[in-house]
């Protein structure tokens, strides 16, 4: 069942976020706010495709354990592109609320991103083998989690303060993505069903894209 349903889910997900990203980029004209939403969606889809396409291939052929190197490389790429995803989301938040004096926050976000990416590149991660060390999975996700906490606070608090339901929902979506992702990092290697939390985590990211696309559709009418 997994070999059938999971590839279908991944194809629908990748097709959706990449298509919506291209539409927003192409049709937003000179509107940089919606272009950023489009680029964010495209980065999400293209980055995840490095992991999900090899995963689809593995499920349909020789199995996940026999494709460890390809899957590991995909996870590495996805880890980096997800970091960029949050930097773009941070930029979108700044544009939406016209945030100007945020030098300390800018430095914090970019520093956390740099630390996260550098940690991802350490050979101790053992990306290309089955069952890589849990310790490095935790290390590289600490700065990522801090970025997530910052974004949850910024999105939800500014949404509430400005009576902006979409941004409150963005905060909730980001919170859910991390809430589903944390158990996967800690226990997915021990329990198959914990790994299935990646499905609602992925749907939370689709919700982020759909919030931006809904706002985009209203704006171009």
N, C-alpha and C. Protein backbone atom coordinates (compact mmCIF):
# COMPACT_ATOMS: atom_id res chain seq x y z
N UNK A 1 0.82 -1.21 0.00
CA UNK A 1 0.00 0.00 0.00
C UNK A 1 0.86 1.27 0.00
N UNK A 2 1.94 1.26 0.83
CA UNK A 2 2.82 2.42 0.89
C UNK A 2 3.44 2.71 -0.46
N UNK A 3 3.80 1.64 -1.20
CA UNK A 3 4.45 1.81 -2.50
C UNK A 3 3.53 2.43 -3.53
N UNK A 4 2.24 2.43 -3.27
CA UNK A 4 1.28 3.03 -4.20
C UNK A 4 0.84 4.42 -3.73
N UNK A 5 0.38 4.50 -2.48
CA UNK A 5 -0.21 5.73 -1.98
C UNK A 5 0.81 6.84 -1.76
N UNK A 6 1.98 6.48 -1.23
CA UNK A 6 2.97 7.51 -0.94
C UNK A 6 3.47 8.21 -2.21
N UNK A 7 3.84 7.48 -3.28
CA UNK A 7 4.24 8.18 -4.50
C UNK A 7 3.15 9.10 -5.05
N UNK A 8 1.89 8.67 -4.99
CA UNK A 8 0.79 9.51 -5.46
C UNK A 8 0.74 10.81 -4.67
N UNK A 9 0.86 10.69 -3.34
CA UNK A 9 0.85 11.88 -2.48
C UNK A 9 1.98 12.82 -2.84
N UNK A 10 3.18 12.28 -3.02
CA UNK A 10 4.35 13.12 -3.33
C UNK A 10 4.20 13.83 -4.68
N UNK A 11 3.69 13.11 -5.67
CA UNK A 11 3.52 13.72 -7.00
C UNK A 11 2.50 14.86 -6.94
N UNK A 12 1.39 14.63 -6.25
CA UNK A 12 0.36 15.67 -6.13
C UNK A 12 0.93 16.88 -5.38
N UNK A 13 1.67 16.62 -4.30
CA UNK A 13 2.26 17.70 -3.51
C UNK A 13 3.24 18.52 -4.34
N UNK A 14 4.21 17.86 -4.98
CA UNK A 14 5.21 18.58 -5.76
C UNK A 14 4.58 19.35 -6.92
N UNK A 15 3.65 18.72 -7.60
CA UNK A 15 2.97 19.38 -8.72
C UNK A 15 2.23 20.62 -8.24
N UNK A 16 1.57 20.52 -7.10
CA UNK A 16 0.79 21.64 -6.57
C UNK A 16 1.66 22.84 -6.21
N UNK A 17 2.68 22.63 -5.38
CA UNK A 17 3.46 23.77 -4.91
C UNK A 17 4.32 24.37 -6.01
N UNK A 18 4.85 23.54 -6.90
CA UNK A 18 5.66 24.07 -8.00
C UNK A 18 4.78 24.84 -8.98
N UNK A 19 3.61 24.31 -9.31
CA UNK A 19 2.69 24.99 -10.23
C UNK A 19 2.22 26.32 -9.67
N UNK A 20 1.83 26.34 -8.40
CA UNK A 20 1.36 27.59 -7.79
C UNK A 20 2.50 28.61 -7.72
N UNK A 21 3.70 28.13 -7.45
CA UNK A 21 4.85 29.03 -7.42
C UNK A 21 5.09 29.69 -8.77
N UNK A 22 5.06 28.89 -9.83
CA UNK A 22 5.27 29.42 -11.19
C UNK A 22 4.18 30.42 -11.56
N UNK A 23 2.93 30.09 -11.21
CA UNK A 23 1.81 30.98 -11.52
C UNK A 23 2.00 32.33 -10.83
N UNK A 24 2.36 32.31 -9.55
CA UNK A 24 2.53 33.57 -8.82
C UNK A 24 3.70 34.39 -9.36
N UNK A 25 4.77 33.72 -9.73
CA UNK A 25 5.93 34.44 -10.29
C UNK A 25 5.56 35.07 -11.62
N UNK A 26 4.91 34.32 -12.48
CA UNK A 26 4.60 34.80 -13.83
C UNK A 26 3.54 35.89 -13.85
N UNK A 27 2.54 35.79 -12.97
CA UNK A 27 1.39 36.69 -13.05
C UNK A 27 1.41 37.83 -12.05
N UNK A 28 2.43 37.88 -11.21
CA UNK A 28 2.46 38.97 -10.23
C UNK A 28 3.02 40.26 -10.79
N UNK A 29 3.56 40.19 -12.02
CA UNK A 29 4.10 41.38 -12.71
C UNK A 29 5.16 42.06 -11.84
N UNK A 30 4.92 43.32 -11.44
CA UNK A 30 5.92 44.06 -10.67
C UNK A 30 5.68 43.98 -9.17
N UNK A 31 4.74 43.15 -8.76
CA UNK A 31 4.43 43.03 -7.33
C UNK A 31 5.44 42.09 -6.67
N UNK A 32 6.42 42.69 -6.00
CA UNK A 32 7.50 41.90 -5.41
C UNK A 32 7.03 41.02 -4.27
N UNK A 33 5.98 41.44 -3.58
CA UNK A 33 5.44 40.67 -2.47
C UNK A 33 4.96 39.30 -2.95
N UNK A 34 4.18 39.27 -4.00
CA UNK A 34 3.66 38.00 -4.51
C UNK A 34 4.73 37.22 -5.27
N UNK A 35 5.68 37.93 -5.87
CA UNK A 35 6.81 37.22 -6.49
C UNK A 35 7.58 36.43 -5.43
N UNK A 36 7.75 37.04 -4.26
CA UNK A 36 8.45 36.35 -3.18
C UNK A 36 7.69 35.12 -2.73
N UNK A 37 6.36 35.23 -2.66
CA UNK A 37 5.55 34.05 -2.34
C UNK A 37 5.75 32.96 -3.39
N UNK A 38 5.81 33.38 -4.65
CA UNK A 38 6.02 32.42 -5.73
C UNK A 38 7.37 31.74 -5.64
N UNK A 39 8.42 32.54 -5.38
CA UNK A 39 9.76 31.96 -5.26
C UNK A 39 9.83 31.03 -4.05
N UNK A 40 9.17 31.41 -2.96
CA UNK A 40 9.16 30.57 -1.77
C UNK A 40 8.52 29.22 -2.08
N UNK A 41 7.40 29.24 -2.78
CA UNK A 41 6.71 28.01 -3.15
C UNK A 41 7.56 27.16 -4.09
N UNK A 42 8.22 27.82 -5.02
CA UNK A 42 9.07 27.11 -5.98
C UNK A 42 10.27 26.47 -5.28
N UNK A 43 10.90 27.21 -4.38
CA UNK A 43 12.02 26.68 -3.60
C UNK A 43 11.59 25.46 -2.79
N UNK A 44 10.40 25.56 -2.21
CA UNK A 44 9.86 24.45 -1.43
C UNK A 44 9.72 23.20 -2.30
N UNK A 45 9.07 23.34 -3.45
CA UNK A 45 8.82 22.20 -4.32
C UNK A 45 10.08 21.63 -4.94
N UNK A 46 10.93 22.51 -5.47
CA UNK A 46 12.15 22.03 -6.12
C UNK A 46 13.10 21.40 -5.11
N UNK A 47 13.21 22.02 -3.94
CA UNK A 47 14.08 21.46 -2.90
C UNK A 47 13.60 20.09 -2.46
N UNK A 48 12.30 19.96 -2.18
CA UNK A 48 11.76 18.68 -1.74
C UNK A 48 11.84 17.61 -2.83
N UNK A 49 11.83 18.03 -4.09
CA UNK A 49 11.89 17.06 -5.17
C UNK A 49 13.21 16.28 -5.17
N UNK A 50 14.28 16.89 -4.65
CA UNK A 50 15.57 16.19 -4.58
C UNK A 50 15.49 14.98 -3.66
N UNK A 51 14.60 15.06 -2.69
CA UNK A 51 14.42 13.93 -1.77
C UNK A 51 13.26 13.03 -2.19
N UNK A 52 12.16 13.65 -2.62
CA UNK A 52 10.95 12.88 -2.86
C UNK A 52 10.99 12.08 -4.16
N UNK A 53 11.63 12.60 -5.19
CA UNK A 53 11.72 11.84 -6.44
C UNK A 53 12.56 10.56 -6.25
N UNK A 54 13.75 10.64 -5.61
CA UNK A 54 14.45 9.38 -5.31
C UNK A 54 13.64 8.46 -4.38
N UNK A 55 12.86 9.06 -3.48
CA UNK A 55 12.03 8.23 -2.60
C UNK A 55 10.95 7.49 -3.40
N UNK A 56 10.34 8.20 -4.34
CA UNK A 56 9.35 7.55 -5.21
C UNK A 56 9.99 6.41 -5.99
N UNK A 57 11.17 6.70 -6.56
CA UNK A 57 11.89 5.67 -7.33
C UNK A 57 12.19 4.46 -6.45
N UNK A 58 12.67 4.72 -5.23
CA UNK A 58 13.02 3.63 -4.32
C UNK A 58 11.80 2.79 -3.96
N UNK A 59 10.69 3.45 -3.68
CA UNK A 59 9.48 2.71 -3.31
C UNK A 59 8.96 1.84 -4.45
N UNK A 60 9.15 2.31 -5.67
CA UNK A 60 8.64 1.59 -6.83
C UNK A 60 9.62 0.55 -7.37
N UNK A 61 10.86 0.55 -6.85
CA UNK A 61 11.85 -0.40 -7.39
C UNK A 61 12.45 -1.27 -6.27
N UNK A 62 13.66 -0.93 -5.85
CA UNK A 62 14.42 -1.83 -4.97
C UNK A 62 14.27 -1.54 -3.49
N UNK A 63 13.50 -0.53 -3.13
CA UNK A 63 13.28 -0.25 -1.71
C UNK A 63 14.14 0.87 -1.17
N UNK A 64 13.73 1.42 -0.04
CA UNK A 64 14.39 2.59 0.55
C UNK A 64 15.81 2.27 1.01
N UNK A 65 16.01 1.10 1.62
CA UNK A 65 17.33 0.77 2.16
C UNK A 65 18.39 0.63 1.07
N UNK A 66 17.99 0.30 -0.14
CA UNK A 66 18.94 0.12 -1.24
C UNK A 66 19.23 1.41 -1.99
N UNK A 67 18.66 2.51 -1.53
CA UNK A 67 18.88 3.80 -2.20
C UNK A 67 19.28 4.87 -1.20
N UNK A 68 20.07 4.46 -0.22
CA UNK A 68 20.43 5.34 0.89
C UNK A 68 21.17 6.59 0.42
N UNK A 69 22.09 6.44 -0.52
CA UNK A 69 22.91 7.58 -0.96
C UNK A 69 22.05 8.65 -1.63
N UNK A 70 21.18 8.22 -2.55
CA UNK A 70 20.32 9.18 -3.26
C UNK A 70 19.35 9.87 -2.30
N UNK A 71 18.79 9.09 -1.39
CA UNK A 71 17.86 9.65 -0.42
C UNK A 71 18.58 10.61 0.54
N UNK A 72 19.79 10.24 0.92
CA UNK A 72 20.56 11.09 1.82
C UNK A 72 20.95 12.41 1.18
N UNK A 73 21.37 12.35 -0.08
CA UNK A 73 21.70 13.59 -0.80
C UNK A 73 20.46 14.47 -0.90
N UNK A 74 19.30 13.85 -1.17
CA UNK A 74 18.06 14.61 -1.25
C UNK A 74 17.72 15.28 0.07
N UNK A 75 17.94 14.56 1.18
CA UNK A 75 17.68 15.15 2.50
C UNK A 75 18.60 16.34 2.77
N UNK A 76 19.85 16.23 2.34
CA UNK A 76 20.81 17.32 2.50
C UNK A 76 20.33 18.56 1.74
N UNK A 77 19.97 18.36 0.47
CA UNK A 77 19.49 19.49 -0.34
C UNK A 77 18.23 20.10 0.27
N UNK A 78 17.30 19.24 0.68
CA UNK A 78 16.05 19.72 1.27
C UNK A 78 16.30 20.49 2.56
N UNK A 79 17.26 20.05 3.36
CA UNK A 79 17.58 20.76 4.61
C UNK A 79 18.06 22.18 4.32
N UNK A 80 18.84 22.33 3.26
CA UNK A 80 19.34 23.65 2.90
C UNK A 80 18.23 24.51 2.30
N UNK A 81 17.44 23.94 1.39
CA UNK A 81 16.40 24.74 0.74
C UNK A 81 15.28 25.12 1.72
N UNK A 82 15.02 24.27 2.74
CA UNK A 82 14.03 24.65 3.74
C UNK A 82 14.51 25.82 4.58
N UNK A 83 15.80 25.90 4.80
CA UNK A 83 16.37 27.05 5.50
C UNK A 83 16.14 28.32 4.68
N UNK A 84 16.37 28.21 3.37
CA UNK A 84 16.14 29.36 2.48
C UNK A 84 14.65 29.70 2.45
N UNK A 85 13.80 28.69 2.49
CA UNK A 85 12.35 28.89 2.53
C UNK A 85 11.97 29.82 3.68
N UNK A 86 12.54 29.59 4.86
CA UNK A 86 12.19 30.42 6.01
C UNK A 86 12.78 31.82 5.92
N UNK A 87 13.92 31.96 5.28
CA UNK A 87 14.45 33.31 5.05
C UNK A 87 13.53 34.10 4.12
N UNK A 88 13.00 33.44 3.10
CA UNK A 88 12.06 34.11 2.20
C UNK A 88 10.77 34.46 2.93
N UNK A 89 10.28 33.54 3.76
CA UNK A 89 9.07 33.81 4.53
C UNK A 89 9.29 35.00 5.47
N UNK A 90 10.47 35.08 6.04
CA UNK A 90 10.83 36.22 6.89
C UNK A 90 10.79 37.52 6.08
N UNK A 91 11.33 37.49 4.87
CA UNK A 91 11.30 38.65 3.98
C UNK A 91 9.86 39.03 3.62
N UNK A 92 9.03 38.04 3.38
CA UNK A 92 7.62 38.28 3.07
C UNK A 92 6.93 38.98 4.24
N UNK A 93 7.20 38.49 5.44
CA UNK A 93 6.62 39.13 6.65
C UNK A 93 7.05 40.59 6.74
N UNK A 94 8.32 40.87 6.47
CA UNK A 94 8.81 42.25 6.53
C UNK A 94 8.11 43.13 5.50
N UNK A 95 7.93 42.60 4.30
CA UNK A 95 7.26 43.36 3.24
C UNK A 95 5.80 43.61 3.59
N UNK A 96 5.14 42.59 4.11
CA UNK A 96 3.70 42.70 4.40
C UNK A 96 3.41 43.79 5.43
N UNK A 97 4.26 43.88 6.46
CA UNK A 97 4.02 44.84 7.54
C UNK A 97 4.97 46.03 7.50
N UNK A 98 5.69 46.15 6.38
CA UNK A 98 6.58 47.30 6.15
C UNK A 98 7.55 47.48 7.32
N UNK A 99 8.24 46.41 7.67
CA UNK A 99 9.19 46.44 8.78
C UNK A 99 10.51 47.05 8.31
N UNK A 100 10.96 48.10 8.98
CA UNK A 100 12.18 48.80 8.56
C UNK A 100 13.33 48.58 9.53
N UNK A 101 13.13 48.90 10.78
CA UNK A 101 14.22 48.85 11.76
C UNK A 101 14.30 47.46 12.40
N UNK A 102 14.95 46.57 11.70
CA UNK A 102 15.01 45.18 12.19
C UNK A 102 16.42 44.60 12.04
N UNK A 103 17.43 45.44 12.23
CA UNK A 103 18.81 45.01 11.99
C UNK A 103 19.18 43.82 12.87
N UNK A 104 18.86 43.89 14.16
CA UNK A 104 19.21 42.80 15.07
C UNK A 104 18.49 41.51 14.69
N UNK A 105 17.22 41.63 14.32
CA UNK A 105 16.45 40.46 13.90
C UNK A 105 16.99 39.89 12.59
N UNK A 106 17.36 40.78 11.67
CA UNK A 106 17.96 40.34 10.41
C UNK A 106 19.22 39.51 10.67
N UNK A 107 20.10 40.07 11.52
CA UNK A 107 21.36 39.38 11.84
C UNK A 107 21.09 38.02 12.47
N UNK A 108 20.11 37.99 13.37
CA UNK A 108 19.76 36.74 14.05
C UNK A 108 19.30 35.67 13.05
N UNK A 109 18.39 36.05 12.15
CA UNK A 109 17.86 35.09 11.19
C UNK A 109 18.93 34.60 10.22
N UNK A 110 19.76 35.52 9.73
CA UNK A 110 20.79 35.11 8.78
C UNK A 110 21.90 34.30 9.47
N UNK A 111 22.20 34.63 10.72
CA UNK A 111 23.21 33.88 11.45
C UNK A 111 22.72 32.46 11.74
N UNK A 112 21.47 32.33 12.17
CA UNK A 112 20.89 31.01 12.40
C UNK A 112 20.87 30.18 11.12
N UNK A 113 20.55 30.83 10.01
CA UNK A 113 20.54 30.13 8.72
C UNK A 113 21.92 29.63 8.35
N UNK A 114 22.93 30.49 8.55
CA UNK A 114 24.31 30.11 8.22
C UNK A 114 24.77 28.94 9.09
N UNK A 115 24.46 29.01 10.39
CA UNK A 115 24.85 27.92 11.30
C UNK A 115 24.17 26.62 10.89
N UNK A 116 22.89 26.71 10.57
CA UNK A 116 22.13 25.52 10.14
C UNK A 116 22.76 24.89 8.90
N UNK A 117 23.05 25.70 7.89
CA UNK A 117 23.61 25.17 6.63
C UNK A 117 25.00 24.59 6.86
N UNK A 118 25.83 25.28 7.66
CA UNK A 118 27.17 24.77 7.95
C UNK A 118 27.09 23.43 8.67
N UNK A 119 26.19 23.32 9.65
CA UNK A 119 26.02 22.06 10.38
C UNK A 119 25.57 20.94 9.44
N UNK A 120 24.73 21.30 8.47
CA UNK A 120 24.27 20.29 7.50
C UNK A 120 25.41 19.74 6.65
N UNK A 121 26.46 20.54 6.47
CA UNK A 121 27.56 20.15 5.59
C UNK A 121 28.64 19.34 6.30
N UNK A 122 28.56 19.21 7.61
CA UNK A 122 29.55 18.42 8.34
C UNK A 122 29.44 16.94 7.94
N UNK A 123 30.58 16.29 7.70
CA UNK A 123 30.54 14.86 7.30
C UNK A 123 29.96 13.96 8.38
N UNK A 124 29.98 14.42 9.64
CA UNK A 124 29.44 13.60 10.73
C UNK A 124 27.95 13.33 10.60
N UNK A 125 27.27 14.07 9.72
CA UNK A 125 25.85 13.81 9.50
C UNK A 125 25.60 12.45 8.86
N UNK A 126 26.61 11.94 8.14
CA UNK A 126 26.48 10.64 7.47
C UNK A 126 25.20 10.57 6.64
N UNK A 127 25.03 11.54 5.78
CA UNK A 127 23.81 11.62 4.98
C UNK A 127 23.59 10.40 4.10
N UNK A 128 24.68 9.77 3.64
CA UNK A 128 24.57 8.79 2.56
C UNK A 128 24.48 7.34 3.04
N UNK A 129 24.19 7.15 4.31
CA UNK A 129 24.06 5.79 4.83
C UNK A 129 22.69 5.63 5.49
N UNK A 130 22.27 4.39 5.65
CA UNK A 130 21.04 4.12 6.40
C UNK A 130 21.28 4.36 7.89
N UNK A 131 20.28 4.86 8.57
CA UNK A 131 20.35 5.11 10.01
C UNK A 131 21.52 6.00 10.41
N UNK A 132 21.57 7.24 9.91
CA UNK A 132 22.62 8.18 10.31
C UNK A 132 22.46 8.54 11.79
N UNK A 133 23.51 9.10 12.41
CA UNK A 133 23.45 9.37 13.86
C UNK A 133 22.37 10.37 14.24
N UNK A 134 21.60 10.04 15.27
CA UNK A 134 20.54 10.91 15.74
C UNK A 134 21.10 12.22 16.28
N UNK A 135 22.28 12.17 16.90
CA UNK A 135 22.85 13.36 17.54
C UNK A 135 22.99 14.51 16.55
N UNK A 136 23.49 14.19 15.33
CA UNK A 136 23.67 15.26 14.36
C UNK A 136 22.34 15.71 13.75
N UNK A 137 21.36 14.83 13.75
CA UNK A 137 20.02 15.25 13.35
C UNK A 137 19.48 16.30 14.31
N UNK A 138 19.81 16.15 15.59
CA UNK A 138 19.39 17.13 16.60
C UNK A 138 20.21 18.42 16.47
N UNK A 139 21.54 18.29 16.34
CA UNK A 139 22.40 19.48 16.27
C UNK A 139 21.97 20.42 15.16
N UNK A 140 21.81 19.87 13.95
CA UNK A 140 21.51 20.73 12.80
C UNK A 140 20.10 21.31 12.85
N UNK A 141 19.24 20.70 13.65
CA UNK A 141 17.87 21.20 13.73
C UNK A 141 17.65 22.21 14.86
N UNK A 142 18.64 22.39 15.73
CA UNK A 142 18.49 23.38 16.80
C UNK A 142 18.37 24.79 16.24
N UNK A 143 19.29 25.26 15.38
CA UNK A 143 19.10 26.61 14.81
C UNK A 143 17.86 26.71 13.95
N UNK A 144 17.52 25.62 13.28
CA UNK A 144 16.31 25.60 12.44
C UNK A 144 15.06 25.77 13.30
N UNK A 145 15.04 25.09 14.44
CA UNK A 145 13.89 25.20 15.35
C UNK A 145 13.78 26.61 15.92
N UNK A 146 14.92 27.23 16.22
CA UNK A 146 14.89 28.61 16.72
C UNK A 146 14.33 29.56 15.66
N UNK A 147 14.74 29.35 14.40
CA UNK A 147 14.17 30.14 13.30
C UNK A 147 12.66 29.95 13.24
N UNK A 148 12.22 28.71 13.41
CA UNK A 148 10.79 28.42 13.37
C UNK A 148 10.04 29.11 14.48
N UNK A 149 10.59 29.08 15.70
CA UNK A 149 9.94 29.73 16.84
C UNK A 149 9.82 31.23 16.60
N UNK A 150 10.88 31.83 16.07
CA UNK A 150 10.84 33.26 15.76
C UNK A 150 9.75 33.56 14.74
N UNK A 151 9.68 32.74 13.69
CA UNK A 151 8.68 32.99 12.64
C UNK A 151 7.26 32.77 13.15
N UNK A 152 7.06 31.76 13.98
CA UNK A 152 5.73 31.53 14.55
C UNK A 152 5.28 32.76 15.33
N UNK A 153 6.17 33.27 16.16
CA UNK A 153 5.85 34.46 16.96
C UNK A 153 5.55 35.67 16.08
N UNK A 154 6.42 35.93 15.11
CA UNK A 154 6.26 37.11 14.26
C UNK A 154 4.97 37.03 13.44
N UNK A 155 4.74 35.91 12.82
CA UNK A 155 3.56 35.76 11.96
C UNK A 155 2.27 35.87 12.76
N UNK A 156 2.20 35.13 13.86
CA UNK A 156 0.94 35.10 14.62
C UNK A 156 0.71 36.42 15.36
N UNK A 157 1.75 36.97 15.99
CA UNK A 157 1.57 38.19 16.78
C UNK A 157 1.21 39.38 15.90
N UNK A 158 1.87 39.51 14.76
CA UNK A 158 1.54 40.63 13.86
C UNK A 158 0.20 40.40 13.20
N UNK A 159 -0.15 39.14 12.93
CA UNK A 159 -1.47 38.85 12.40
C UNK A 159 -2.55 39.25 13.39
N UNK A 160 -2.35 38.91 14.67
CA UNK A 160 -3.33 39.25 15.71
C UNK A 160 -3.41 40.76 15.91
N UNK A 161 -2.24 41.41 15.95
CA UNK A 161 -2.20 42.85 16.20
C UNK A 161 -2.86 43.65 15.08
N UNK A 162 -2.74 43.15 13.84
CA UNK A 162 -3.29 43.86 12.69
C UNK A 162 -4.61 43.25 12.19
N UNK A 163 -5.19 42.37 13.00
CA UNK A 163 -6.45 41.72 12.64
C UNK A 163 -6.36 41.06 11.26
N UNK A 164 -5.24 40.38 11.02
CA UNK A 164 -4.96 39.74 9.74
C UNK A 164 -5.05 38.22 9.92
N UNK A 165 -6.18 37.66 9.56
CA UNK A 165 -6.42 36.23 9.77
C UNK A 165 -5.43 35.38 9.00
N UNK A 166 -5.06 35.81 7.79
CA UNK A 166 -4.13 35.02 6.99
C UNK A 166 -2.79 34.86 7.69
N UNK A 167 -2.30 35.92 8.32
CA UNK A 167 -1.00 35.82 8.98
C UNK A 167 -1.08 35.07 10.29
N UNK A 168 -2.20 35.13 10.97
CA UNK A 168 -2.40 34.27 12.13
C UNK A 168 -2.37 32.80 11.69
N UNK A 169 -3.02 32.51 10.56
CA UNK A 169 -3.02 31.15 10.03
C UNK A 169 -1.63 30.71 9.58
N UNK A 170 -0.85 31.64 9.04
CA UNK A 170 0.53 31.31 8.67
C UNK A 170 1.31 30.89 9.91
N UNK A 171 1.12 31.63 11.00
CA UNK A 171 1.78 31.27 12.25
C UNK A 171 1.38 29.89 12.73
N UNK A 172 0.09 29.59 12.63
CA UNK A 172 -0.41 28.27 13.04
C UNK A 172 0.16 27.18 12.13
N UNK A 173 0.21 27.44 10.82
CA UNK A 173 0.73 26.45 9.87
C UNK A 173 2.19 26.14 10.15
N UNK A 174 2.99 27.16 10.42
CA UNK A 174 4.41 26.95 10.73
C UNK A 174 4.55 26.19 12.04
N UNK A 175 3.73 26.54 13.03
CA UNK A 175 3.75 25.81 14.30
C UNK A 175 3.45 24.32 14.07
N UNK A 176 2.43 24.03 13.29
CA UNK A 176 2.06 22.64 13.03
C UNK A 176 3.18 21.90 12.29
N UNK A 177 3.82 22.58 11.36
CA UNK A 177 4.90 21.92 10.61
C UNK A 177 6.01 21.48 11.53
N UNK A 178 6.37 22.31 12.50
CA UNK A 178 7.43 21.95 13.45
C UNK A 178 6.93 20.92 14.46
N UNK A 179 5.67 21.04 14.87
CA UNK A 179 5.10 20.09 15.83
C UNK A 179 5.10 18.68 15.26
N UNK A 180 4.84 18.55 13.95
CA UNK A 180 4.85 17.23 13.31
C UNK A 180 6.27 16.78 12.98
N UNK A 181 7.17 17.73 12.72
CA UNK A 181 8.52 17.40 12.30
C UNK A 181 9.40 16.94 13.46
N UNK A 182 9.22 17.54 14.64
CA UNK A 182 10.08 17.22 15.79
C UNK A 182 10.08 15.73 16.15
N UNK A 183 8.91 15.07 16.25
CA UNK A 183 8.93 13.64 16.56
C UNK A 183 9.62 12.80 15.48
N UNK A 184 9.52 13.26 14.23
CA UNK A 184 10.16 12.53 13.13
C UNK A 184 11.68 12.54 13.31
N UNK A 185 12.23 13.71 13.65
CA UNK A 185 13.67 13.82 13.88
C UNK A 185 14.11 12.89 15.00
N UNK A 186 13.33 12.81 16.06
CA UNK A 186 13.73 12.09 17.26
C UNK A 186 13.48 10.58 17.19
N UNK A 187 12.35 10.18 16.56
CA UNK A 187 11.94 8.79 16.71
C UNK A 187 11.57 8.05 15.42
N UNK A 188 11.66 8.71 14.27
CA UNK A 188 11.22 8.06 13.03
C UNK A 188 12.03 6.81 12.72
N UNK A 189 13.30 6.80 13.08
CA UNK A 189 14.14 5.63 12.78
C UNK A 189 13.73 4.41 13.61
N UNK A 190 13.02 4.65 14.71
CA UNK A 190 12.61 3.56 15.60
C UNK A 190 11.18 3.10 15.35
N UNK A 191 10.37 3.97 14.75
CA UNK A 191 8.95 3.66 14.61
C UNK A 191 8.43 4.15 13.27
N UNK A 192 7.97 3.25 12.45
CA UNK A 192 7.48 3.59 11.10
C UNK A 192 6.33 4.60 11.17
N UNK A 193 5.44 4.44 12.14
CA UNK A 193 4.26 5.29 12.21
C UNK A 193 4.60 6.72 12.59
N UNK A 194 5.69 6.92 13.33
CA UNK A 194 6.15 8.28 13.62
C UNK A 194 6.58 8.96 12.32
N UNK A 195 7.23 8.20 11.45
CA UNK A 195 7.65 8.75 10.16
C UNK A 195 6.48 9.24 9.32
N UNK A 196 5.30 8.69 9.54
CA UNK A 196 4.13 9.11 8.79
C UNK A 196 3.68 10.53 9.15
N UNK A 197 4.22 11.08 10.23
CA UNK A 197 3.91 12.47 10.58
C UNK A 197 4.44 13.45 9.53
N UNK A 198 5.31 12.96 8.64
CA UNK A 198 5.78 13.82 7.55
C UNK A 198 4.64 14.21 6.61
N UNK A 199 3.57 13.41 6.59
CA UNK A 199 2.43 13.75 5.73
C UNK A 199 1.72 14.99 6.23
N UNK A 200 1.26 15.06 7.51
CA UNK A 200 0.65 16.32 7.96
C UNK A 200 1.64 17.48 8.00
N UNK A 201 2.92 17.19 8.23
CA UNK A 201 3.94 18.25 8.16
C UNK A 201 3.99 18.86 6.76
N UNK A 202 3.94 18.01 5.76
CA UNK A 202 3.93 18.47 4.37
C UNK A 202 2.66 19.26 4.06
N UNK A 203 1.53 18.80 4.57
CA UNK A 203 0.26 19.50 4.35
C UNK A 203 0.28 20.88 5.00
N UNK A 204 1.00 21.03 6.11
CA UNK A 204 1.12 22.34 6.74
C UNK A 204 1.85 23.31 5.81
N UNK A 205 2.87 22.82 5.11
CA UNK A 205 3.57 23.68 4.15
C UNK A 205 2.69 24.01 2.94
N UNK A 206 1.89 23.05 2.52
CA UNK A 206 0.94 23.34 1.45
C UNK A 206 -0.02 24.44 1.89
N UNK A 207 -0.44 24.40 3.13
CA UNK A 207 -1.33 25.44 3.67
C UNK A 207 -0.65 26.81 3.60
N UNK A 208 0.64 26.88 3.92
CA UNK A 208 1.38 28.14 3.82
C UNK A 208 1.31 28.69 2.39
N UNK A 209 1.56 27.81 1.43
CA UNK A 209 1.52 28.23 0.02
C UNK A 209 0.12 28.66 -0.39
N UNK A 210 -0.89 27.92 0.04
CA UNK A 210 -2.27 28.23 -0.33
C UNK A 210 -2.74 29.55 0.27
N UNK A 211 -2.25 29.88 1.46
CA UNK A 211 -2.59 31.18 2.05
C UNK A 211 -2.07 32.30 1.17
N UNK A 212 -0.82 32.17 0.73
CA UNK A 212 -0.25 33.19 -0.16
C UNK A 212 -0.97 33.23 -1.49
N UNK A 213 -1.32 32.05 -2.03
CA UNK A 213 -1.99 32.01 -3.32
C UNK A 213 -3.39 32.61 -3.25
N UNK A 214 -4.08 32.37 -2.13
CA UNK A 214 -5.43 32.95 -1.96
C UNK A 214 -5.35 34.48 -1.94
N UNK A 215 -4.34 35.00 -1.23
CA UNK A 215 -4.16 36.46 -1.18
C UNK A 215 -3.80 37.01 -2.56
N UNK A 216 -2.99 36.24 -3.28
CA UNK A 216 -2.58 36.61 -4.65
C UNK A 216 -3.79 36.67 -5.57
N UNK A 217 -4.67 35.66 -5.49
CA UNK A 217 -5.86 35.63 -6.35
C UNK A 217 -6.79 36.81 -6.09
N UNK A 218 -6.93 37.20 -4.84
CA UNK A 218 -7.75 38.36 -4.51
C UNK A 218 -7.15 39.64 -5.10
N UNK A 219 -5.83 39.73 -5.06
CA UNK A 219 -5.16 40.95 -5.50
C UNK A 219 -5.22 41.16 -7.01
N UNK A 220 -5.25 40.07 -7.79
CA UNK A 220 -5.20 40.22 -9.25
C UNK A 220 -6.57 40.29 -9.89
N UNK A 221 -7.63 40.21 -9.07
CA UNK A 221 -8.99 40.28 -9.64
C UNK A 221 -9.26 41.69 -10.19
